[in-house]
Amino acid sequence: MTIAAIIAGRTDSIVSVAPEALVSDVVGLLAERRIGAVPVLDGAKLVGILSERDVLRILARDGASALTLQAKDLMTTPVVTVEPTTTVIGSLSLMTRRRMRHLPVVEGDRMVGFVSIGDLVKRRIDQIEAEAIAMREYITSA
């Protein structure tokens, strides 16, 4: 199974911020949308990712004054990405090795999706459950 299968049914747009977005606004967006990270786009170009971890790290270092910084000041860059043809298992492996929870999905130079480790684990569990049901049905029908 590939990442394309996960992003195929999505109808909502990708939530993103501009490099100049204030950290305080990004924090509000993360809380409002109940998400853990946002891609940082300069126009259509992916230039970074800003996550809860990034915000916590800078708050611990700078205190409340960190909220006046811009996304570009603390975003994670360079960005690790996957393509729609990347397998779910390959993506999970990459996220585990790199200790990250979100991956932008790019096709050529265009971002086409954004997946979380939760998206991938859910899909993998659904797949395992479907295989178990199919196996049970096969065994009982034989």
N, C-alpha and C. Protein backbone atom coordinates (compact mmCIF):
# COMPACT_ATOMS: atom_id res chain seq x y z
N MET A 1 0.83 -1.17 0.00
CA MET A 1 0.00 0.00 0.00
C MET A 1 0.89 1.25 0.00
N THR A 2 0.44 2.25 -0.73
CA THR A 2 1.24 3.46 -0.88
C THR A 2 0.58 4.66 -0.20
N ILE A 3 1.34 5.70 -0.07
CA ILE A 3 0.84 6.96 0.49
C ILE A 3 -0.30 7.51 -0.37
N ALA A 4 -0.25 7.27 -1.66
CA ALA A 4 -1.32 7.74 -2.56
C ALA A 4 -2.68 7.23 -2.11
N ALA A 5 -2.74 6.00 -1.61
CA ALA A 5 -4.01 5.43 -1.15
C ALA A 5 -4.54 6.18 0.07
N ILE A 6 -3.67 6.71 0.88
CA ILE A 6 -4.09 7.44 2.07
C ILE A 6 -4.60 8.83 1.72
N ILE A 7 -3.93 9.51 0.83
CA ILE A 7 -4.33 10.89 0.52
C ILE A 7 -5.39 10.97 -0.57
N ALA A 8 -5.68 9.84 -1.24
CA ALA A 8 -6.61 9.85 -2.37
C ALA A 8 -8.01 10.33 -1.99
N GLY A 9 -8.52 9.90 -0.86
CA GLY A 9 -9.89 10.23 -0.51
C GLY A 9 -10.07 11.54 0.21
N ARG A 10 -9.03 12.26 0.42
CA ARG A 10 -9.13 13.50 1.18
C ARG A 10 -9.70 14.62 0.32
N THR A 11 -10.62 15.35 0.91
CA THR A 11 -11.23 16.47 0.20
C THR A 11 -10.84 17.81 0.81
N ASP A 12 -10.33 17.78 2.05
CA ASP A 12 -9.97 19.02 2.71
C ASP A 12 -8.62 19.52 2.20
N SER A 13 -8.45 20.83 2.25
CA SER A 13 -7.20 21.41 1.80
C SER A 13 -6.12 21.23 2.87
N ILE A 14 -4.89 21.35 2.45
CA ILE A 14 -3.76 21.22 3.37
C ILE A 14 -3.65 22.51 4.17
N VAL A 15 -3.65 22.37 5.48
CA VAL A 15 -3.48 23.52 6.37
C VAL A 15 -2.00 23.86 6.36
N SER A 16 -1.67 25.11 6.06
CA SER A 16 -0.27 25.53 6.01
C SER A 16 -0.16 26.97 6.50
N VAL A 17 1.08 27.39 6.69
CA VAL A 17 1.34 28.78 7.08
C VAL A 17 2.46 29.34 6.19
N ALA A 18 2.52 30.65 6.16
CA ALA A 18 3.59 31.34 5.43
C ALA A 18 4.80 31.49 6.36
N PRO A 19 5.98 31.65 5.78
CA PRO A 19 7.19 31.82 6.61
C PRO A 19 7.10 33.00 7.57
N GLU A 20 6.33 34.02 7.20
CA GLU A 20 6.22 35.22 8.03
C GLU A 20 5.15 35.12 9.12
N ALA A 21 4.43 34.03 9.17
CA ALA A 21 3.37 33.87 10.18
C ALA A 21 3.97 33.95 11.58
N LEU A 22 3.30 34.65 12.47
CA LEU A 22 3.77 34.74 13.84
C LEU A 22 3.56 33.40 14.55
N VAL A 23 4.51 33.05 15.39
CA VAL A 23 4.42 31.80 16.13
C VAL A 23 3.14 31.77 16.96
N SER A 24 2.75 32.90 17.52
CA SER A 24 1.51 32.93 18.31
C SER A 24 0.30 32.54 17.45
N ASP A 25 0.29 32.97 16.18
CA ASP A 25 -0.81 32.60 15.28
C ASP A 25 -0.74 31.12 14.91
N VAL A 26 0.47 30.61 14.74
CA VAL A 26 0.63 29.19 14.41
C VAL A 26 0.15 28.33 15.59
N VAL A 27 0.49 28.74 16.80
CA VAL A 27 0.05 28.01 18.00
C VAL A 27 -1.49 27.99 18.03
N GLY A 28 -2.11 29.10 17.75
CA GLY A 28 -3.57 29.16 17.71
C GLY A 28 -4.15 28.24 16.66
N LEU A 29 -3.52 28.20 15.50
CA LEU A 29 -3.97 27.33 14.42
C LEU A 29 -3.84 25.85 14.79
N LEU A 30 -2.70 25.49 15.38
CA LEU A 30 -2.49 24.11 15.81
C LEU A 30 -3.55 23.70 16.83
N ALA A 31 -3.84 24.58 17.77
CA ALA A 31 -4.82 24.27 18.80
C ALA A 31 -6.23 24.20 18.20
N GLU A 32 -6.57 25.16 17.37
CA GLU A 32 -7.91 25.22 16.77
C GLU A 32 -8.18 23.99 15.90
N ARG A 33 -7.23 23.60 15.11
CA ARG A 33 -7.39 22.47 14.19
C ARG A 33 -7.07 21.13 14.83
N ARG A 34 -6.52 21.17 16.05
CA ARG A 34 -6.14 19.95 16.77
C ARG A 34 -5.16 19.12 15.94
N ILE A 35 -4.12 19.80 15.48
CA ILE A 35 -3.08 19.16 14.68
C ILE A 35 -1.73 19.40 15.32
N GLY A 36 -0.74 18.58 14.96
CA GLY A 36 0.56 18.66 15.60
C GLY A 36 1.62 19.40 14.81
N ALA A 37 1.34 19.70 13.55
CA ALA A 37 2.34 20.37 12.72
C ALA A 37 1.69 20.95 11.48
N VAL A 38 2.36 21.93 10.91
CA VAL A 38 1.91 22.51 9.64
C VAL A 38 3.10 22.69 8.72
N PRO A 39 2.88 22.46 7.42
CA PRO A 39 3.94 22.79 6.48
C PRO A 39 4.04 24.32 6.36
N VAL A 40 5.24 24.78 6.12
CA VAL A 40 5.47 26.20 5.89
C VAL A 40 5.71 26.37 4.40
N LEU A 41 4.83 27.12 3.75
CA LEU A 41 4.90 27.31 2.31
C LEU A 41 5.22 28.75 1.97
N ASP A 42 6.17 28.93 1.07
CA ASP A 42 6.50 30.23 0.52
C ASP A 42 5.88 30.24 -0.87
N GLY A 43 4.68 30.79 -0.96
CA GLY A 43 3.90 30.63 -2.19
C GLY A 43 3.46 29.17 -2.26
N ALA A 44 3.89 28.47 -3.31
CA ALA A 44 3.57 27.04 -3.42
C ALA A 44 4.76 26.17 -3.03
N LYS A 45 5.88 26.81 -2.68
CA LYS A 45 7.10 26.05 -2.38
C LYS A 45 7.17 25.68 -0.90
N LEU A 46 7.39 24.39 -0.64
CA LEU A 46 7.55 23.89 0.72
C LEU A 46 8.94 24.28 1.21
N VAL A 47 8.99 25.06 2.30
CA VAL A 47 10.28 25.52 2.82
C VAL A 47 10.58 25.02 4.23
N GLY A 48 9.58 24.45 4.90
CA GLY A 48 9.81 23.96 6.25
C GLY A 48 8.57 23.33 6.84
N ILE A 49 8.72 22.84 8.06
CA ILE A 49 7.61 22.33 8.84
C ILE A 49 7.73 22.94 10.23
N LEU A 50 6.60 23.35 10.77
CA LEU A 50 6.59 23.89 12.13
C LEU A 50 5.69 22.98 12.97
N SER A 51 6.28 22.38 13.99
CA SER A 51 5.55 21.42 14.81
C SER A 51 5.44 21.89 16.25
N GLU A 52 4.59 21.19 16.98
CA GLU A 52 4.47 21.46 18.41
C GLU A 52 5.83 21.36 19.10
N ARG A 53 6.61 20.38 18.69
CA ARG A 53 7.94 20.21 19.29
C ARG A 53 8.83 21.42 19.05
N ASP A 54 8.76 21.97 17.85
CA ASP A 54 9.55 23.18 17.55
C ASP A 54 9.13 24.32 18.47
N VAL A 55 7.83 24.47 18.64
CA VAL A 55 7.31 25.56 19.48
C VAL A 55 7.73 25.36 20.93
N LEU A 56 7.59 24.14 21.44
CA LEU A 56 7.98 23.88 22.83
C LEU A 56 9.47 24.12 23.06
N ARG A 57 10.28 23.71 22.09
CA ARG A 57 11.73 23.90 22.22
C ARG A 57 12.07 25.39 22.32
N ILE A 58 11.47 26.21 21.48
CA ILE A 58 11.79 27.63 21.49
C ILE A 58 11.18 28.33 22.71
N LEU A 59 10.00 27.87 23.16
CA LEU A 59 9.41 28.44 24.38
C LEU A 59 10.28 28.13 25.60
N ALA A 60 10.80 26.93 25.65
CA ALA A 60 11.68 26.56 26.77
C ALA A 60 12.94 27.40 26.77
N ARG A 61 13.42 27.74 25.57
CA ARG A 61 14.65 28.52 25.47
C ARG A 61 14.42 30.01 25.68
N ASP A 62 13.37 30.56 25.05
CA ASP A 62 13.18 32.01 25.02
C ASP A 62 12.01 32.53 25.85
N GLY A 63 11.17 31.63 26.35
CA GLY A 63 9.99 32.07 27.08
C GLY A 63 8.94 32.65 26.16
N ALA A 64 8.05 33.43 26.74
CA ALA A 64 6.90 33.96 26.00
C ALA A 64 7.29 34.85 24.82
N SER A 65 8.49 35.42 24.85
CA SER A 65 8.91 36.27 23.72
C SER A 65 9.03 35.48 22.42
N ALA A 66 9.12 34.15 22.53
CA ALA A 66 9.20 33.30 21.33
C ALA A 66 7.93 33.42 20.49
N LEU A 67 6.83 33.77 21.12
CA LEU A 67 5.56 33.86 20.40
C LEU A 67 5.55 35.00 19.39
N THR A 68 6.50 35.94 19.51
CA THR A 68 6.56 37.06 18.57
C THR A 68 7.46 36.76 17.37
N LEU A 69 8.11 35.60 17.39
CA LEU A 69 8.95 35.20 16.26
C LEU A 69 8.08 34.78 15.08
N GLN A 70 8.73 34.62 13.93
CA GLN A 70 8.03 34.16 12.74
C GLN A 70 8.31 32.67 12.54
N ALA A 71 7.42 32.03 11.80
CA ALA A 71 7.55 30.60 11.52
C ALA A 71 8.93 30.27 10.95
N LYS A 72 9.44 31.11 10.08
CA LYS A 72 10.74 30.85 9.45
C LYS A 72 11.89 30.84 10.45
N ASP A 73 11.68 31.45 11.63
CA ASP A 73 12.73 31.51 12.64
C ASP A 73 12.92 30.20 13.39
N LEU A 74 11.93 29.34 13.38
CA LEU A 74 12.07 28.09 14.14
C LEU A 74 11.57 26.85 13.42
N MET A 75 11.16 26.98 12.17
CA MET A 75 10.69 25.80 11.43
C MET A 75 11.83 24.80 11.22
N THR A 76 11.46 23.56 11.06
CA THR A 76 12.42 22.51 10.76
C THR A 76 12.70 22.53 9.26
N THR A 77 13.97 22.59 8.93
CA THR A 77 14.40 22.59 7.55
C THR A 77 15.80 22.00 7.49
N PRO A 78 16.22 21.33 6.47
CA PRO A 78 15.46 20.98 5.27
C PRO A 78 14.36 19.98 5.60
N VAL A 79 13.37 19.94 4.73
CA VAL A 79 12.19 19.11 4.95
C VAL A 79 12.41 17.72 4.35
N VAL A 80 12.13 16.71 5.16
CA VAL A 80 12.13 15.33 4.69
C VAL A 80 10.74 15.08 4.12
N THR A 81 10.68 14.57 2.90
CA THR A 81 9.39 14.35 2.23
C THR A 81 9.29 12.92 1.70
N VAL A 82 8.09 12.55 1.31
CA VAL A 82 7.86 11.30 0.60
C VAL A 82 7.06 11.61 -0.65
N GLU A 83 7.03 10.65 -1.56
CA GLU A 83 6.23 10.77 -2.78
C GLU A 83 4.98 9.91 -2.63
N PRO A 84 3.96 10.16 -3.44
CA PRO A 84 2.75 9.33 -3.36
C PRO A 84 3.03 7.84 -3.57
N THR A 85 4.09 7.52 -4.30
CA THR A 85 4.41 6.11 -4.57
C THR A 85 5.16 5.43 -3.43
N THR A 86 5.54 6.19 -2.41
CA THR A 86 6.24 5.62 -1.26
C THR A 86 5.28 4.70 -0.50
N THR A 87 5.77 3.58 -0.04
CA THR A 87 4.91 2.65 0.70
C THR A 87 4.65 3.17 2.11
N VAL A 88 3.55 2.71 2.67
CA VAL A 88 3.21 3.07 4.04
C VAL A 88 4.29 2.55 4.99
N ILE A 89 4.72 1.30 4.79
CA ILE A 89 5.76 0.71 5.64
C ILE A 89 7.06 1.51 5.51
N GLY A 90 7.43 1.88 4.31
CA GLY A 90 8.63 2.68 4.10
C GLY A 90 8.53 4.03 4.79
N SER A 91 7.35 4.64 4.74
CA SER A 91 7.14 5.93 5.40
C SER A 91 7.20 5.79 6.91
N LEU A 92 6.58 4.74 7.44
CA LEU A 92 6.63 4.50 8.89
C LEU A 92 8.07 4.28 9.34
N SER A 93 8.82 3.54 8.55
CA SER A 93 10.22 3.29 8.87
C SER A 93 11.01 4.60 8.88
N LEU A 94 10.80 5.43 7.88
CA LEU A 94 11.48 6.73 7.81
C LEU A 94 11.13 7.59 9.02
N MET A 95 9.86 7.63 9.38
CA MET A 95 9.42 8.45 10.51
C MET A 95 10.03 7.94 11.81
N THR A 96 10.14 6.63 11.94
CA THR A 96 10.73 6.06 13.15
C THR A 96 12.22 6.38 13.23
N ARG A 97 12.93 6.17 12.12
CA ARG A 97 14.37 6.45 12.10
C ARG A 97 14.67 7.91 12.37
N ARG A 98 13.89 8.81 11.78
CA ARG A 98 14.15 10.24 11.89
C ARG A 98 13.45 10.89 13.09
N ARG A 99 12.66 10.08 13.83
CA ARG A 99 11.94 10.57 15.01
C ARG A 99 11.05 11.76 14.67
N MET A 100 10.21 11.56 13.66
CA MET A 100 9.30 12.61 13.22
C MET A 100 7.88 12.05 13.14
N ARG A 101 6.92 12.92 13.23
CA ARG A 101 5.52 12.48 13.25
C ARG A 101 4.72 12.97 12.05
N HIS A 102 5.31 13.78 11.19
CA HIS A 102 4.58 14.32 10.03
C HIS A 102 5.47 14.31 8.80
N LEU A 103 4.86 14.01 7.66
CA LEU A 103 5.60 13.99 6.40
C LEU A 103 4.81 14.70 5.31
N PRO A 104 5.41 15.66 4.66
CA PRO A 104 4.79 16.23 3.47
C PRO A 104 4.92 15.23 2.32
N VAL A 105 3.90 15.18 1.50
CA VAL A 105 3.89 14.32 0.32
C VAL A 105 4.05 15.24 -0.89
N VAL A 106 5.11 15.01 -1.65
CA VAL A 106 5.39 15.87 -2.80
C VAL A 106 5.41 15.06 -4.09
N GLU A 107 4.98 15.72 -5.13
CA GLU A 107 5.02 15.15 -6.47
C GLU A 107 5.71 16.18 -7.34
N GLY A 108 6.93 15.86 -7.79
CA GLY A 108 7.74 16.85 -8.47
C GLY A 108 8.10 17.94 -7.49
N ASP A 109 7.73 19.17 -7.78
CA ASP A 109 8.03 20.27 -6.85
C ASP A 109 6.76 20.79 -6.16
N ARG A 110 5.70 19.99 -6.23
CA ARG A 110 4.41 20.41 -5.68
C ARG A 110 4.00 19.54 -4.50
N MET A 111 3.59 20.16 -3.40
CA MET A 111 3.10 19.43 -2.25
C MET A 111 1.67 19.00 -2.52
N VAL A 112 1.42 17.68 -2.40
CA VAL A 112 0.09 17.15 -2.71
C VAL A 112 -0.61 16.56 -1.49
N GLY A 113 0.09 16.51 -0.36
CA GLY A 113 -0.52 15.97 0.84
C GLY A 113 0.38 16.13 2.04
N PHE A 114 -0.16 15.77 3.18
CA PHE A 114 0.56 15.86 4.45
C PHE A 114 0.01 14.74 5.30
N VAL A 115 0.86 13.83 5.74
CA VAL A 115 0.41 12.68 6.52
C VAL A 115 1.09 12.65 7.88
N SER A 116 0.36 12.13 8.84
CA SER A 116 0.90 11.97 10.19
C SER A 116 1.14 10.51 10.47
N ILE A 117 1.92 10.25 11.49
CA ILE A 117 2.17 8.86 11.86
C ILE A 117 0.85 8.19 12.26
N GLY A 118 -0.07 8.96 12.83
CA GLY A 118 -1.39 8.43 13.17
C GLY A 118 -2.15 7.96 11.94
N ASP A 119 -2.08 8.74 10.84
CA ASP A 119 -2.72 8.34 9.58
C ASP A 119 -2.18 6.99 9.10
N LEU A 120 -0.85 6.86 9.16
CA LEU A 120 -0.20 5.66 8.64
C LEU A 120 -0.46 4.44 9.52
N VAL A 121 -0.40 4.62 10.83
CA VAL A 121 -0.65 3.51 11.75
C VAL A 121 -2.10 3.04 11.61
N LYS A 122 -3.05 3.98 11.52
CA LYS A 122 -4.45 3.61 11.36
C LYS A 122 -4.64 2.80 10.09
N ARG A 123 -4.06 3.24 8.99
CA ARG A 123 -4.21 2.52 7.72
C ARG A 123 -3.60 1.13 7.81
N ARG A 124 -2.45 1.03 8.46
CA ARG A 124 -1.79 -0.27 8.61
C ARG A 124 -2.63 -1.21 9.48
N ILE A 125 -3.20 -0.71 10.56
CA ILE A 125 -4.06 -1.54 11.41
C ILE A 125 -5.29 -2.00 10.63
N ASP A 126 -5.91 -1.09 9.88
CA ASP A 126 -7.07 -1.45 9.05
C ASP A 126 -6.71 -2.56 8.07
N GLN A 127 -5.53 -2.46 7.47
CA GLN A 127 -5.08 -3.46 6.52
C GLN A 127 -4.87 -4.82 7.21
N ILE A 128 -4.25 -4.82 8.36
CA ILE A 128 -4.01 -6.06 9.10
C ILE A 128 -5.33 -6.70 9.51
N GLU A 129 -6.29 -5.89 9.97
CA GLU A 129 -7.60 -6.42 10.35
C GLU A 129 -8.32 -7.01 9.15
N ALA A 130 -8.25 -6.35 8.00
CA ALA A 130 -8.89 -6.88 6.79
C ALA A 130 -8.26 -8.20 6.37
N GLU A 131 -6.94 -8.29 6.48
CA GLU A 131 -6.26 -9.55 6.15
C GLU A 131 -6.66 -10.66 7.11
N ALA A 132 -6.82 -10.35 8.39
CA ALA A 132 -7.22 -11.34 9.38
C ALA A 132 -8.64 -11.85 9.10
N ILE A 133 -9.54 -10.94 8.75
CA ILE A 133 -10.91 -11.34 8.41
C ILE A 133 -10.92 -12.23 7.18
N ALA A 134 -10.16 -11.84 6.17
CA ALA A 134 -10.08 -12.64 4.95
C ALA A 134 -9.51 -14.03 5.24
N MET A 135 -8.53 -14.10 6.10
CA MET A 135 -7.93 -15.39 6.47
C MET A 135 -8.94 -16.26 7.21
N ARG A 136 -9.68 -15.66 8.16
CA ARG A 136 -10.71 -16.40 8.89
C ARG A 136 -11.78 -16.94 7.96
N GLU A 137 -12.23 -16.09 7.03
CA GLU A 137 -13.24 -16.52 6.08
C GLU A 137 -12.72 -17.64 5.18
N TYR A 138 -11.50 -17.55 4.79
CA TYR A 138 -10.89 -18.58 3.96
C TYR A 138 -10.82 -19.92 4.72
N ILE A 139 -10.40 -19.85 5.96
CA ILE A 139 -10.26 -21.06 6.78
C ILE A 139 -11.63 -21.70 7.03
N THR A 140 -12.61 -20.88 7.34
CA THR A 140 -13.94 -21.44 7.66
C THR A 140 -14.69 -21.91 6.42
N SER A 141 -14.34 -21.40 5.26
CA SER A 141 -15.02 -21.84 4.03
C SER A 141 -14.37 -23.06 3.39
N ALA A 142 -13.20 -23.43 3.83
CA ALA A 142 -12.49 -24.56 3.22
C ALA A 142 -12.97 -25.90 3.74
